[in-house]
Amino acid sequence: MPAVVKCPTCGKEVAWVPDNKFRPFCSERCKQIDLGAWASEKYVFGGKPGETPSPDLPEDAED
């Protein structure tokens, strides 16, 4: 049985299968809504322009 995830846009349950070309979205519409949100800067990554991202772990940390 394939994994089932919720569409990030509308919350509808979607089977995670290769046949679903829109995964993790349920449809082209939901995919485009999400893309539009990124384009309008509704979603942003933290930090300032030109700022070097800090590493998740200190350099002296061991795995």
Protein backbone atom coordinates (compact mmCIF):
# COMPACT_ATOMS: atom_id res chain seq x y z
CA MET A 1 0.00 0.00 0.00
CA PRO A 2 1.48 3.40 -0.97
CA ALA A 3 2.15 6.11 1.57
CA VAL A 4 -0.54 8.74 1.91
CA VAL A 5 0.34 12.39 2.57
CA LYS A 6 -1.74 15.54 2.93
CA CYS A 7 -1.57 18.14 0.17
CA PRO A 8 0.37 21.11 1.63
CA THR A 9 -2.10 23.54 0.07
CA CYS A 10 -5.58 22.10 0.69
CA GLY A 11 -4.98 19.20 3.08
CA LYS A 12 -6.57 16.55 0.84
CA GLU A 13 -5.07 13.07 1.27
CA VAL A 14 -2.86 12.08 -1.69
CA ALA A 15 -1.22 8.74 -2.48
CA TRP A 16 2.57 9.12 -2.81
CA VAL A 17 2.96 7.19 -6.07
CA PRO A 18 4.98 7.81 -9.24
CA ASP A 19 1.74 8.24 -11.22
CA ASN A 20 0.97 11.43 -9.27
CA LYS A 21 3.03 13.97 -11.20
CA PHE A 22 1.96 16.75 -8.78
CA ARG A 23 3.11 15.09 -5.54
CA PRO A 24 3.12 16.16 -2.78
CA PHE A 25 0.24 18.28 -4.12
CA CYS A 26 -3.12 16.82 -5.15
CA SER A 27 -3.41 18.81 -8.38
CA GLU A 28 -1.82 21.33 -10.72
CA ARG A 29 -4.00 24.01 -9.09
CA CYS A 30 -2.58 23.38 -5.60
CA LYS A 31 0.94 23.25 -7.01
CA GLN A 32 0.45 26.64 -8.70
CA ILE A 33 -1.05 28.18 -5.55
CA ASP A 34 2.06 27.15 -3.61
CA LEU A 35 4.37 28.48 -6.34
CA GLY A 36 2.48 31.77 -6.30
CA ALA A 37 2.95 32.03 -2.53
CA TRP A 38 6.73 31.66 -2.96
CA ALA A 39 6.74 34.19 -5.83
CA SER A 40 4.85 36.75 -3.76
CA GLU A 41 7.29 36.15 -0.88
CA LYS A 42 4.61 34.77 1.43
CA TYR A 43 7.24 32.17 2.35
CA VAL A 44 10.77 33.35 3.09
CA PHE A 45 13.97 31.93 4.51
CA GLY A 46 15.43 33.70 7.51
CA GLY A 47 18.59 35.78 7.37
CA LYS A 48 19.76 38.89 5.60
CA PRO A 49 20.93 39.27 1.98
CA GLY A 50 24.61 38.32 1.68
CA GLU A 51 24.65 36.75 5.14
CA THR A 52 26.55 33.46 5.38
CA PRO A 53 24.36 30.73 6.85
CA SER A 54 25.54 29.40 10.19
CA PRO A 55 26.22 25.67 10.37
CA ASP A 56 23.73 23.46 12.22
CA LEU A 57 26.49 22.07 14.42
CA PRO A 58 29.60 23.77 15.79
CA GLU A 59 32.78 22.91 13.90
CA ASP A 60 34.18 21.00 16.87
CA ALA A 61 31.07 18.78 17.20
CA GLU A 62 31.46 15.13 16.35
CA ASP A 63 28.92 12.97 14.49
